[in-house]
Amino acid sequence: MTRTRHPARVTNLDHANRRLTAVVLRWLGHSTVVVDLDGARVVTDPVLRRRVMHLRRAADVPSPDDVDTVLLSHLHYDHLDLASLARIGVECPVVVPRGGGKALRGFERVTEVEPGTVFEVNGLQVRVCEAVHDGRRRPIGAAVPAVGYVLEGSRSVYFAGDTDLFDGMRELAPVDVALLPIWGWGPSVGEGHLDPESAAEALTLLEPRVVVPIHWGTYHVLGRRDAGRAPADAFALAALRAAPEVDVRVLPVGGTLEL
């Protein structure tokens, strides 16, 4: 994939600054992470609006600029939001699970992938991996699988998307950084999701050096209180018990981690 330029925009990090550290992660809430790795900028599941369906966002964040590629894990509305993608630009390359391209009409550069696919983004290798989650566009969307991604350069970063625990995580180990979902937007999580305990168990399979919990503390159902920091605190405690050697970094929405 080739680089997409937005010369009229002010970039968040220029090329020189990007290369000062091997990887910079900026969590924009829910499953949206800006990953700057070896000069490439990738954004995962961008959902940036204050209102998405019946959900309300706790904190506003700016749209990322100068994006090389967007990686979509599945088609649920809290992971594939067309208005948020349009803020980044209809000309920006978008990667979506096989069969999901129809949901992206109007976007100019859409690539469908499946587990086992390997491609490059501005010199960075991206490997598509399995996820255990029903990724269809409800209520009547066709069955489309969910996927995860491993970014591989001078460091490796695993983005799980939405998934339940599965033994195939062992095949991804070890990774430098794991971006793991630990909750959602309601009072509980159902089948096909990691919760604090199962996410901590995933660390024993993935063997990351650093883990950043995502998919928590961003959206809540209108009229209901969200869970606050409770899922992140529960995950940090469970991770300490299951994999004390892993460095847990809990970021605020909009927070940055440089490694």
Protein backbone atom coordinates (compact mmCIF):
# COMPACT_ATOMS: atom_id res chain seq x y z
CA MET A 1 0.00 0.00 0.00
CA THR A 2 1.24 3.46 -0.81
CA ARG A 3 1.30 6.46 1.43
CA THR A 4 -1.65 8.86 1.47
CA ARG A 5 -0.77 12.54 1.78
CA HIS A 6 -2.94 15.28 3.26
CA PRO A 7 -0.84 18.38 2.64
CA ALA A 8 -3.49 20.78 3.91
CA ARG A 9 -3.61 19.14 7.32
CA VAL A 10 -1.37 19.70 10.30
CA THR A 11 0.15 16.35 11.25
CA ASN A 12 0.34 15.17 14.84
CA LEU A 13 3.87 13.77 14.40
CA ASP A 14 6.14 14.50 11.46
CA HIS A 15 8.44 11.87 9.97
CA ALA A 16 11.47 12.93 11.98
CA ASN A 17 9.63 12.73 15.28
CA ARG A 18 8.10 9.38 14.39
CA ARG A 19 11.52 7.82 13.99
CA LEU A 20 12.90 9.05 17.32
CA THR A 21 11.15 6.15 19.06
CA ALA A 22 10.34 2.77 17.56
CA VAL A 23 6.65 2.86 18.46
CA VAL A 24 4.24 5.53 19.70
CA LEU A 25 0.71 4.50 20.69
CA ARG A 26 -2.14 6.95 21.20
CA TRP A 27 -5.41 5.52 22.51
CA LEU A 28 -8.36 7.56 21.27
CA GLY A 29 -10.86 5.46 23.18
CA HIS A 30 -12.75 2.21 22.67
CA SER A 31 -10.80 0.20 20.02
CA THR A 32 -9.27 3.22 18.29
CA VAL A 33 -5.49 3.33 18.55
CA VAL A 34 -3.08 5.42 16.48
CA VAL A 35 0.07 3.33 16.03
CA ASP A 36 3.22 5.06 14.79
CA LEU A 37 5.77 2.34 14.06
CA ASP A 38 8.95 2.74 12.00
CA GLY A 39 7.59 5.78 10.17
CA ALA A 40 4.20 4.25 9.29
CA ARG A 41 0.95 5.44 10.87
CA VAL A 42 -1.89 2.96 11.23
CA VAL A 43 -5.26 3.57 12.92
CA THR A 44 -7.39 0.74 14.27
CA ASP A 45 -11.22 0.73 14.26
CA PRO A 46 -11.71 4.52 14.25
CA VAL A 47 -14.91 5.48 16.10
CA LEU A 48 -14.61 9.13 17.07
CA ARG A 49 -18.09 10.62 17.22
CA ARG A 50 -19.81 11.75 20.41
CA ARG A 51 -22.90 9.72 19.48
CA VAL A 52 -22.92 6.31 17.81
CA MET A 53 -26.34 4.64 17.69
CA HIS A 54 -27.50 4.40 21.33
CA LEU A 55 -24.02 5.06 22.72
CA ARG A 56 -22.56 8.30 24.07
CA ARG A 57 -18.86 9.12 24.29
CA ALA A 58 -17.30 10.18 27.56
CA ALA A 59 -14.54 12.40 26.09
CA ASP A 60 -14.02 14.02 22.68
CA VAL A 61 -10.79 13.46 20.75
CA PRO A 62 -9.46 14.97 17.52
CA SER A 63 -9.41 12.94 14.33
CA PRO A 64 -5.96 11.57 13.47
CA ASP A 65 -4.13 13.11 10.51
CA ASP A 66 -1.59 11.82 7.99
CA VAL A 67 -2.86 8.23 8.23
CA ASP A 68 -1.25 5.59 6.03
CA THR A 69 -3.90 2.90 6.52
CA VAL A 70 -6.97 2.12 8.61
CA LEU A 71 -7.32 -1.44 9.93
CA LEU A 72 -10.89 -2.61 10.63
CA SER A 73 -11.35 -5.71 12.76
CA HIS A 74 -15.06 -6.27 12.01
CA LEU A 75 -18.26 -4.57 10.94
CA HIS A 76 -20.06 -3.76 14.21
CA TYR A 77 -21.15 -0.13 14.49
CA ASP A 78 -18.82 0.56 17.41
CA HIS A 79 -15.85 -0.57 15.28
CA LEU A 80 -16.79 0.44 11.73
CA ASP A 81 -18.26 3.95 11.81
CA LEU A 82 -18.56 5.47 8.35
CA ALA A 83 -18.72 9.07 9.59
CA SER A 84 -15.50 8.63 11.58
CA LEU A 85 -13.78 7.05 8.58
CA ALA A 86 -14.89 9.98 6.42
CA ARG A 87 -13.19 12.38 8.85
CA ILE A 88 -9.91 10.61 8.13
CA GLY A 89 -10.60 10.75 4.38
CA VAL A 90 -12.37 8.65 1.76
CA GLU A 91 -9.07 8.39 -0.11
CA CYS A 92 -7.22 6.77 2.81
CA PRO A 93 -6.60 3.01 2.35
CA VAL A 94 -8.94 0.89 4.46
CA VAL A 95 -8.45 -2.80 5.26
CA VAL A 96 -11.54 -4.85 6.14
CA PRO A 97 -12.28 -8.56 6.69
CA ARG A 98 -13.21 -10.59 3.61
CA GLY A 99 -16.78 -9.83 2.55
CA GLY A 100 -16.92 -6.48 4.33
CA GLY A 101 -16.06 -4.21 1.40
CA LYS A 102 -19.72 -3.64 0.53
CA ALA A 103 -20.15 -1.71 3.78
CA LEU A 104 -17.56 0.82 2.58
CA ARG A 105 -19.14 2.14 -0.59
CA GLY A 106 -17.74 5.56 -1.44
CA PHE A 107 -14.30 4.86 0.01
CA GLU A 108 -11.75 4.79 -2.74
CA ARG A 109 -9.15 2.24 -1.62
CA VAL A 110 -10.62 -0.77 0.19
CA THR A 111 -8.78 -4.07 0.59
CA GLU A 112 -10.44 -7.23 1.89
CA VAL A 113 -8.29 -9.66 3.91
CA GLU A 114 -8.58 -12.89 5.88
CA PRO A 115 -6.48 -14.73 8.47
CA GLY A 116 -3.13 -15.60 6.92
CA THR A 117 -3.02 -12.53 4.65
CA VAL A 118 0.24 -10.55 4.90
CA PHE A 119 0.68 -7.09 3.38
CA GLU A 120 2.85 -4.00 3.78
CA VAL A 121 2.02 -0.47 4.89
CA ASN A 122 4.80 1.98 4.06
CA GLY A 123 7.43 -0.71 4.69
CA LEU A 124 5.70 -2.12 7.78
CA GLN A 125 4.54 -5.74 7.58
CA VAL A 126 0.99 -6.47 8.73
CA ARG A 127 -0.19 -10.02 9.37
CA VAL A 128 -3.91 -10.81 9.60
CA CYS A 129 -4.88 -13.29 12.29
CA GLU A 130 -7.93 -15.07 13.66
CA ALA A 131 -10.48 -13.59 16.05
CA VAL A 132 -13.34 -15.41 17.77
CA HIS A 133 -16.24 -13.00 17.38
CA ASP A 134 -19.37 -12.58 15.26
CA GLY A 135 -18.34 -9.67 13.07
CA ARG A 136 -21.40 -9.21 10.85
CA ARG A 137 -23.14 -5.86 10.29
CA ARG A 138 -26.37 -6.32 12.21
CA PRO A 139 -29.28 -6.71 12.08
CA ILE A 140 -29.38 -8.29 8.61
CA GLY A 141 -25.76 -8.20 7.46
CA ALA A 142 -24.16 -11.23 5.83
CA ALA A 143 -21.77 -13.31 7.91
CA VAL A 144 -18.36 -11.63 7.86
CA PRO A 145 -15.58 -12.91 10.12
CA ALA A 146 -13.76 -10.74 12.61
CA VAL A 147 -9.97 -10.56 12.45
CA GLY A 148 -7.01 -9.25 14.40
CA TYR A 149 -3.74 -7.80 13.15
CA VAL A 150 -0.06 -8.09 14.07
CA LEU A 151 2.12 -5.16 12.98
CA GLU A 152 5.73 -6.23 12.56
CA GLY A 153 8.70 -3.89 12.24
CA SER A 154 11.43 -3.02 14.72
CA ARG A 155 8.74 -3.88 17.33
CA SER A 156 5.62 -6.04 17.05
CA VAL A 157 2.14 -4.81 18.01
CA TYR A 158 -0.90 -7.11 18.24
CA PHE A 159 -4.34 -5.53 17.84
CA ALA A 160 -6.98 -8.05 18.85
CA GLY A 161 -10.09 -6.15 17.70
CA ASP A 162 -12.95 -7.94 19.45
CA THR A 163 -12.36 -11.57 20.35
CA ASP A 164 -12.88 -14.25 22.90
CA LEU A 165 -9.94 -16.22 24.26
CA PHE A 166 -8.63 -18.79 21.77
CA ASP A 167 -5.70 -21.17 21.80
CA GLY A 168 -4.33 -19.81 18.50
CA MET A 169 -3.05 -16.79 20.41
CA ARG A 170 -0.07 -18.99 21.28
CA GLU A 171 0.98 -18.88 17.62
CA LEU A 172 1.33 -15.09 17.79
CA ALA A 173 3.71 -15.13 20.77
CA PRO A 174 5.82 -13.39 21.70
CA VAL A 175 4.80 -9.83 20.85
CA ASP A 176 6.23 -6.58 22.13
CA VAL A 177 2.87 -4.86 22.67
CA ALA A 178 -0.63 -6.28 22.95
CA LEU A 179 -3.67 -4.02 22.49
CA LEU A 180 -6.28 -6.13 24.27
CA PRO A 181 -10.02 -5.48 24.67
CA ILE A 182 -11.09 -5.97 28.27
CA TRP A 183 -14.71 -4.76 28.42
CA GLY A 184 -17.25 -2.93 26.26
CA TRP A 185 -19.92 -0.31 26.85
CA GLY A 186 -22.52 -2.07 29.00
CA PRO A 187 -22.81 -3.55 32.48
CA SER A 188 -21.30 -6.85 31.28
CA VAL A 189 -19.70 -8.49 28.26
CA GLY A 190 -21.11 -11.48 26.42
CA GLU A 191 -19.80 -14.32 24.33
CA GLY A 192 -17.10 -13.37 21.87
CA HIS A 193 -15.47 -10.78 24.16
CA LEU A 194 -12.59 -10.70 26.58
CA ASP A 195 -13.28 -9.54 30.12
CA PRO A 196 -10.61 -8.58 32.67
CA GLU A 197 -10.00 -12.17 33.77
CA SER A 198 -9.90 -13.77 30.31
CA ALA A 199 -7.80 -10.89 28.95
CA ALA A 200 -5.31 -11.56 31.72
CA GLU A 201 -5.28 -15.23 30.74
CA ALA A 202 -4.58 -14.17 27.15
CA LEU A 203 -1.31 -12.66 28.37
CA THR A 204 -0.03 -16.13 29.24
CA LEU A 205 -0.58 -17.15 25.60
CA LEU A 206 0.62 -13.98 23.84
CA GLU A 207 3.65 -13.35 26.08
CA PRO A 208 3.75 -9.58 25.43
CA ARG A 209 6.30 -7.29 26.98
CA VAL A 210 3.69 -4.52 27.37
CA VAL A 211 -0.11 -4.63 27.31
CA VAL A 212 -2.46 -1.68 26.81
CA PRO A 213 -6.09 -2.44 27.73
CA ILE A 214 -8.60 -1.03 25.23
CA HIS A 215 -12.37 -1.27 24.56
CA TRP A 216 -13.38 0.15 27.93
CA GLY A 217 -14.27 3.46 29.55
CA THR A 218 -15.27 5.35 26.39
CA TYR A 219 -18.89 4.77 25.43
CA HIS A 220 -21.95 4.13 27.57
CA VAL A 221 -25.64 3.61 26.91
CA LEU A 222 -27.64 6.83 27.04
CA GLY A 223 -29.20 7.21 30.47
CA ARG A 224 -26.94 4.66 32.17
CA ARG A 225 -23.72 5.16 34.07
CA ASP A 226 -20.63 3.54 32.61
CA ALA A 227 -18.29 1.27 34.53
CA GLY A 228 -15.61 3.95 34.88
CA ARG A 229 -12.11 2.65 35.64
CA ALA A 230 -13.39 -0.55 37.24
CA PRO A 231 -12.65 -2.83 34.22
CA ALA A 232 -9.11 -1.47 33.83
CA ASP A 233 -8.40 -1.82 37.55
CA ALA A 234 -9.78 -5.35 37.55
CA PHE A 235 -7.63 -6.23 34.53
CA ALA A 236 -4.47 -4.79 36.09
CA LEU A 237 -5.04 -6.91 39.20
CA ALA A 238 -5.83 -10.06 37.21
CA ALA A 239 -2.75 -9.49 35.00
CA LEU A 240 -0.56 -9.15 38.08
CA ARG A 241 -1.73 -12.58 39.22
CA ALA A 242 -1.64 -14.33 35.82
CA ALA A 243 1.42 -12.75 34.16
CA PRO A 244 3.37 -10.55 36.62
CA GLU A 245 6.21 -10.15 34.13
CA VAL A 246 3.99 -8.16 31.71
CA ASP A 247 4.06 -4.37 31.98
CA VAL A 248 0.43 -3.16 32.15
CA ARG A 249 -0.05 0.41 30.86
CA VAL A 250 -3.52 1.83 31.50
CA LEU A 251 -3.95 4.96 29.37
CA PRO A 252 -6.58 7.68 29.65
CA VAL A 253 -8.64 8.40 26.55
CA GLY A 254 -6.28 10.43 24.34
CA GLY A 255 -3.26 9.16 26.26
CA THR A 256 0.09 8.39 24.60
CA LEU A 257 2.68 5.70 25.24
CA GLU A 258 6.18 5.82 23.73
CA LEU A 259 8.38 2.72 23.70
